[in-house]
Amino acid sequence: MTQDLLAGEQFDLWGTTAVLRVTDPDALVVARRLLDETAAAVERACSRFRPDSEILALNASAGHGPFLVSDVLLDLIDAALWAADATDGACDPTVLPALLALGYDADIEKIRGVDVPGTPTYVPSPGTGGIGVDRESRTVELAKGCAIDLGAIAKARCTDIAATLIEARLSVGCVVGLGGDLRAAGQAPAGGWAVSVCNDAAAAGASLETVSIAGGGVATSSTSLRRWQRDGVPVHHIVDPRTGRAASAVWSLVTVAAETCVAANAMSTAAVVWGDDALYELPQRGVSARLERPDCTVERVGGWPDPEQAR
């Protein structure tokens, strides 16, 4: 089946763009319902901008003993703990106090490009040692002063869950994408799924390059899009857990392909924190990546294809 015969939708979700494509047009309506249900469950579990979310109650329980969580939140926390371990702590869910100290205390659309008042302070992350999980009792215990943010990993995990659910329930090949993170599951069309790598210029419809994948996940982390100022100091949303500061902008855009979207997201986030060391760290972890510097020069590692060599 060629890609022009596939069915798909593009729509707004969580302040970003969601994409759904399936190999059987008759499956699209049910596939969209499965994606919507998955996204709603994830949002209820971990949106820190939703007053009734579980994550707010869990963070408020820090220092007060075990907290009973839903299966959905437990799954998301497991994904975040895996990401922290796989990146040696570079992708750390306990960066929330650091983000708040930098002024990220509201939805990004409210602070993007804004100079948030208050002197910037830097809060190193306590690390995942402050998160105790008892899977048998389905409880999570946070140490005093520990608070977690699952935003990026939850978005990636949502695509993994939805794509594999759609494939299992409907026996179709599919791609689910949320804000630049995507997961392909099931039988891909001939030639694979076309994935565009985009940066700020792509907002006007320009694509930097396109690659094809047969399955797995692709995720992009950028230091350009979620930016604001704190008392005149430019900051962005990817924090170095060791310092509590916005990570140095060695890379303006990192795109990673891995077995799952969670793995791709964890590695793309960690690459920003690692800086130049990412050129060594990413191949050691068996992933392919495209890394772009602020001056638009590009590095490719782990077998990421070079479009110039393909011509």
Protein backbone atom coordinates (compact mmCIF):
# COMPACT_ATOMS: atom_id res chain seq x y z
CA MET A 1 0.00 0.00 0.00
CA THR A 2 1.38 3.41 -0.93
CA GLN A 3 1.20 6.33 1.47
CA ASP A 4 -1.25 8.28 -0.67
CA LEU A 5 -3.85 5.55 -0.02
CA LEU A 6 -3.59 5.81 3.77
CA ALA A 7 -6.12 7.50 6.03
CA GLY A 8 -5.25 10.08 8.63
CA GLU A 9 -6.18 13.04 10.78
CA GLN A 10 -4.38 16.02 12.25
CA PHE A 11 -5.84 17.91 15.20
CA ASP A 12 -4.99 19.99 18.27
CA LEU A 13 -4.24 18.20 21.52
CA TRP A 14 -2.53 19.44 24.70
CA GLY A 15 -1.56 22.71 23.05
CA THR A 16 0.28 20.92 20.26
CA THR A 17 -0.49 19.04 17.05
CA ALA A 18 -1.57 15.40 17.09
CA VAL A 19 -1.27 13.17 14.03
CA LEU A 20 -2.95 9.82 13.42
CA ARG A 21 -2.44 7.67 10.33
CA VAL A 22 -3.71 4.13 9.67
CA THR A 23 -3.28 1.68 6.82
CA ASP A 24 -7.02 0.87 6.68
CA PRO A 25 -9.35 3.85 6.15
CA ASP A 26 -12.24 1.89 7.69
CA ALA A 27 -10.34 1.78 11.00
CA LEU A 28 -9.78 5.52 11.32
CA VAL A 29 -12.86 6.41 13.40
CA VAL A 30 -12.24 3.73 16.02
CA ALA A 31 -8.51 4.44 16.01
CA ARG A 32 -9.23 8.11 16.77
CA ARG A 33 -11.50 7.08 19.64
CA LEU A 34 -8.78 4.85 21.11
CA LEU A 35 -6.26 7.67 20.85
CA ASP A 36 -8.65 10.17 22.46
CA GLU A 37 -9.39 7.79 25.34
CA THR A 38 -5.71 7.13 25.93
CA ALA A 39 -4.85 10.83 25.88
CA ALA A 40 -7.68 11.67 28.28
CA ALA A 41 -6.51 9.04 30.77
CA VAL A 42 -2.91 10.27 30.59
CA GLU A 43 -3.99 13.88 31.04
CA ARG A 44 -6.08 13.04 34.13
CA ALA A 45 -3.11 11.23 35.59
CA CYS A 46 -0.28 13.68 35.06
CA SER A 47 -1.18 17.15 33.80
CA ARG A 48 0.30 19.60 36.30
CA PHE A 49 -1.90 22.33 34.82
CA ARG A 50 -5.12 20.47 35.55
CA PRO A 51 -6.31 21.05 39.14
CA ASP A 52 -7.87 17.60 39.53
CA SER A 53 -4.91 15.60 38.18
CA GLU A 54 -3.36 12.81 40.20
CA ILE A 55 0.15 14.21 39.84
CA LEU A 56 -0.74 17.34 41.80
CA ALA A 57 -2.12 15.26 44.67
CA LEU A 58 0.90 12.97 44.56
CA ASN A 59 3.34 15.89 44.69
CA ALA A 60 1.38 17.40 47.59
CA SER A 61 1.84 14.12 49.49
CA ALA A 62 5.66 14.36 49.48
CA GLY A 63 7.04 13.58 52.91
CA HIS A 64 3.73 12.18 54.16
CA GLY A 65 4.00 8.50 53.28
CA PRO A 66 2.74 6.21 50.51
CA PHE A 67 0.16 7.53 48.05
CA LEU A 68 -2.22 5.21 46.17
CA VAL A 69 -2.03 5.84 42.43
CA SER A 70 -3.94 4.63 39.38
CA ASP A 71 -2.53 2.03 37.01
CA VAL A 72 -2.09 4.80 34.43
CA LEU A 73 0.00 7.03 36.70
CA LEU A 74 2.03 4.08 37.94
CA ASP A 75 2.80 3.14 34.34
CA LEU A 76 3.91 6.71 33.56
CA ILE A 77 6.13 6.84 36.63
CA ASP A 78 7.68 3.51 35.66
CA ALA A 79 8.44 4.98 32.22
CA ALA A 80 10.03 8.04 33.81
CA LEU A 81 12.15 5.93 36.15
CA TRP A 82 13.29 3.81 33.21
CA ALA A 83 14.23 6.98 31.29
CA ALA A 84 16.26 8.31 34.21
CA ASP A 85 18.11 5.02 34.58
CA ALA A 86 18.74 4.65 30.83
CA THR A 87 20.26 8.14 30.64
CA ASP A 88 22.22 8.00 33.91
CA GLY A 89 19.96 10.69 35.35
CA ALA A 90 20.13 13.18 32.48
CA CYS A 91 16.40 12.74 31.84
CA ASP A 92 15.11 13.21 35.39
CA PRO A 93 11.44 13.47 36.46
CA THR A 94 12.39 15.30 39.68
CA VAL A 95 13.26 18.55 37.86
CA LEU A 96 9.89 20.14 38.72
CA PRO A 97 11.21 22.38 41.54
CA ALA A 98 13.93 23.59 39.13
CA LEU A 99 11.35 24.36 36.43
CA LEU A 100 9.18 26.27 38.90
CA ALA A 101 12.20 28.24 40.11
CA LEU A 102 12.91 29.19 36.49
CA GLY A 103 9.34 30.50 36.10
CA TYR A 104 7.65 27.56 34.33
CA ASP A 105 4.62 27.63 36.62
CA ALA A 106 1.89 27.97 33.99
CA ASP A 107 1.01 26.47 30.63
CA ILE A 108 3.75 27.30 28.13
CA GLU A 109 1.37 29.33 25.96
CA LYS A 110 0.99 31.78 28.85
CA ILE A 111 4.71 32.34 29.38
CA ARG A 112 6.27 31.71 25.97
CA GLY A 113 8.37 34.76 25.11
CA VAL A 114 7.33 36.48 28.37
CA ASP A 115 9.73 37.98 30.91
CA VAL A 116 8.54 36.24 34.09
CA PRO A 117 9.19 38.47 37.13
CA GLY A 118 11.43 37.28 39.95
CA THR A 119 15.13 36.65 40.30
CA PRO A 120 16.07 33.31 38.75
CA THR A 121 17.15 30.67 41.25
CA TYR A 122 18.68 27.31 40.49
CA VAL A 123 17.51 24.16 42.24
CA PRO A 124 19.48 20.96 41.53
CA SER A 125 17.23 17.92 41.27
CA PRO A 126 17.15 15.40 44.15
CA GLY A 127 17.10 12.49 41.70
CA THR A 128 14.94 9.41 41.54
CA GLY A 129 16.19 8.16 44.89
CA GLY A 130 13.41 10.32 46.32
CA ILE A 131 10.75 8.25 44.54
CA GLY A 132 9.70 5.00 46.22
CA VAL A 133 7.42 2.68 44.24
CA ASP A 134 5.59 -0.35 45.63
CA ARG A 135 3.99 -2.00 42.63
CA GLU A 136 2.23 -4.68 44.67
CA SER A 137 0.30 -2.12 46.72
CA ARG A 138 0.26 0.36 43.78
CA THR A 139 1.64 3.14 45.93
CA VAL A 140 4.26 5.81 45.36
CA GLU A 141 6.08 7.61 48.15
CA LEU A 142 7.89 10.87 47.52
CA ALA A 143 10.56 12.13 49.88
CA LYS A 144 10.05 15.55 51.44
CA GLY A 145 10.95 18.22 48.91
CA CYS A 146 10.63 15.86 45.95
CA ALA A 147 8.15 16.70 43.19
CA ILE A 148 7.90 15.13 39.77
CA ASP A 149 7.04 16.37 36.31
CA LEU A 150 6.10 13.72 33.74
CA GLY A 151 5.24 16.04 30.86
CA ALA A 152 7.63 14.96 28.08
CA ILE A 153 7.79 11.29 29.02
CA ALA A 154 4.01 11.16 29.44
CA LYS A 155 3.54 12.54 25.92
CA ALA A 156 5.90 9.91 24.56
CA ARG A 157 4.32 7.12 26.58
CA CYS A 158 0.87 8.19 25.37
CA THR A 159 1.96 7.67 21.76
CA ASP A 160 3.42 4.25 22.61
CA ILE A 161 0.24 3.13 24.39
CA ALA A 162 -2.13 4.46 21.74
CA ALA A 163 -0.22 3.09 18.75
CA THR A 164 0.21 -0.39 20.17
CA LEU A 165 -3.44 -0.42 21.33
CA ILE A 166 -4.70 0.58 17.88
CA GLU A 167 -2.56 -2.07 16.21
CA ALA A 168 -3.67 -4.77 18.66
CA ARG A 169 -7.39 -3.94 18.60
CA LEU A 170 -7.79 -3.18 14.90
CA SER A 171 -5.00 -5.20 13.25
CA VAL A 172 -3.77 -2.22 11.24
CA GLY A 173 -0.50 -0.43 10.79
CA CYS A 174 -0.55 3.01 12.36
CA VAL A 175 1.40 6.07 13.39
CA VAL A 176 0.48 8.21 16.38
CA GLY A 177 2.27 11.53 16.78
CA LEU A 178 2.06 14.18 19.51
CA GLY A 179 4.00 17.40 19.19
CA GLY A 180 6.93 15.94 17.29
CA ASP A 181 7.04 12.60 19.13
CA LEU A 182 5.64 9.60 17.29
CA ARG A 183 5.27 5.83 17.43
CA ALA A 184 4.70 3.47 14.53
CA ALA A 185 3.13 0.05 15.16
CA GLY A 186 1.95 -2.81 13.01
CA GLN A 187 2.68 -3.39 9.33
CA ALA A 188 4.13 -0.27 7.71
CA PRO A 189 3.17 0.74 4.16
CA ALA A 190 5.56 0.05 1.31
CA GLY A 191 8.64 2.19 1.77
CA GLY A 192 7.87 2.77 5.45
CA TRP A 193 6.34 5.75 7.23
CA ALA A 194 7.70 9.12 6.10
CA VAL A 195 8.86 11.22 9.05
CA SER A 196 9.75 14.89 8.61
CA VAL A 197 12.41 16.51 10.77
CA CYS A 198 11.41 20.10 11.45
CA ASN A 199 12.68 23.11 13.38
CA ASP A 200 11.39 26.66 13.86
CA ALA A 201 11.51 27.29 10.11
CA ALA A 202 9.11 24.40 9.62
CA ALA A 203 6.34 26.42 11.24
CA ALA A 204 5.95 27.99 7.80
CA GLY A 205 5.69 24.54 6.23
CA ALA A 206 9.36 23.86 5.58
CA SER A 207 10.85 20.46 6.36
CA LEU A 208 14.56 20.07 7.01
CA GLU A 209 14.65 16.49 5.76
CA THR A 210 12.55 13.35 5.67
CA VAL A 211 13.40 9.82 6.78
CA SER A 212 11.42 6.59 6.62
CA ILE A 213 10.78 4.17 9.48
CA ALA A 214 9.13 0.75 9.51
CA GLY A 215 8.33 0.86 13.22
CA GLY A 216 9.42 2.11 16.62
CA GLY A 217 9.57 5.64 17.94
CA VAL A 218 10.98 9.01 16.92
CA ALA A 219 11.20 12.02 19.22
CA THR A 220 12.52 15.54 18.92
CA SER A 221 13.73 17.85 21.69
CA SER A 222 14.27 21.54 21.01
CA THR A 223 15.69 24.42 23.01
CA SER A 224 14.03 26.93 20.66
CA LEU A 225 10.29 26.50 21.09
CA ARG A 226 9.58 26.50 24.84
CA ARG A 227 11.46 29.63 25.83
CA TRP A 228 10.80 32.57 28.11
CA GLN A 229 12.80 34.96 30.29
CA ARG A 230 13.21 35.08 34.04
CA ASP A 231 13.97 38.66 35.08
CA GLY A 232 15.66 39.23 31.72
CA VAL A 233 17.58 35.93 31.70
CA PRO A 234 16.68 33.70 28.69
CA VAL A 235 15.70 30.17 29.73
CA HIS A 236 14.11 27.09 28.16
CA HIS A 237 12.32 24.00 29.46
CA ILE A 238 15.09 21.38 29.34
CA VAL A 239 16.85 21.50 32.69
CA ASP A 240 20.23 20.10 33.62
CA PRO A 241 19.28 18.12 36.76
CA ARG A 242 22.78 18.58 38.18
CA THR A 243 22.56 22.37 38.30
CA GLY A 244 18.89 23.33 38.06
CA ARG A 245 19.77 25.62 35.14
CA ALA A 246 18.41 25.44 31.62
CA ALA A 247 20.79 23.13 29.75
CA SER A 248 23.45 24.84 27.67
CA ALA A 249 22.18 25.25 24.12
CA VAL A 250 24.88 23.18 22.42
CA TRP A 251 22.05 21.68 20.38
CA SER A 252 18.99 23.59 19.20
CA LEU A 253 17.28 20.46 17.90
CA VAL A 254 17.84 16.75 18.57
CA THR A 255 15.84 14.00 16.86
CA VAL A 256 16.27 10.38 17.96
CA ALA A 257 14.94 7.09 16.56
CA ALA A 258 14.62 4.17 18.99
CA GLU A 259 12.53 1.07 19.69
CA THR A 260 9.84 3.07 21.52
CA CYS A 261 8.84 6.70 21.71
CA VAL A 262 9.70 6.74 25.43
CA ALA A 263 13.24 5.63 24.62
CA ALA A 264 13.55 8.17 21.80
CA ASN A 265 12.21 10.98 24.00
CA ALA A 266 14.49 10.10 26.91
CA MET A 267 17.55 10.09 24.66
CA SER A 268 16.68 13.31 22.83
CA THR A 269 16.14 15.10 26.14
CA ALA A 270 19.34 13.66 27.59
CA ALA A 271 21.29 14.68 24.48
CA VAL A 272 20.47 18.33 25.14
CA VAL A 273 21.73 17.94 28.72
CA TRP A 274 24.85 16.01 27.62
CA GLY A 275 25.86 18.66 25.10
CA ASP A 276 28.80 17.58 22.94
CA ASP A 277 29.06 14.34 24.94
CA ALA A 278 25.84 13.26 23.22
CA LEU A 279 27.89 12.38 20.15
CA TYR A 280 29.42 9.57 22.21
CA GLU A 281 26.55 8.76 24.59
CA LEU A 282 23.81 8.19 21.98
CA PRO A 283 25.59 5.55 19.85
CA GLN A 284 26.62 3.77 23.05
CA ARG A 285 22.92 3.34 23.78
CA GLY A 286 22.12 1.91 20.36
CA VAL A 287 20.00 4.74 18.95
CA SER A 288 20.21 6.84 15.80
CA ALA A 289 20.11 10.60 16.04
CA ARG A 290 20.29 13.86 14.15
CA LEU A 291 21.66 16.77 16.19
CA GLU A 292 21.52 20.38 15.01
CA ARG A 293 23.53 23.24 16.50
CA PRO A 294 22.25 26.82 16.82
CA ASP A 295 24.34 27.74 13.74
CA CYS A 296 22.38 25.06 11.78
CA THR A 297 25.33 22.69 11.39
CA VAL A 298 24.25 19.07 11.75
CA GLU A 299 25.78 15.94 13.28
CA ARG A 300 24.41 12.45 12.60
CA VAL A 301 25.20 9.43 14.75
CA GLY A 302 24.14 5.80 15.05
CA GLY A 303 23.39 5.40 11.36
CA TRP A 304 21.03 8.36 10.94
CA PRO A 305 20.89 8.78 7.13
CA ASP A 306 22.53 11.73 5.42
CA PRO A 307 20.25 12.99 2.63
CA GLU A 308 23.25 14.33 0.71
CA GLN A 309 24.74 10.86 0.44
CA ALA A 310 21.42 9.45 -0.78
CA ARG A 311 21.41 11.69 -3.85
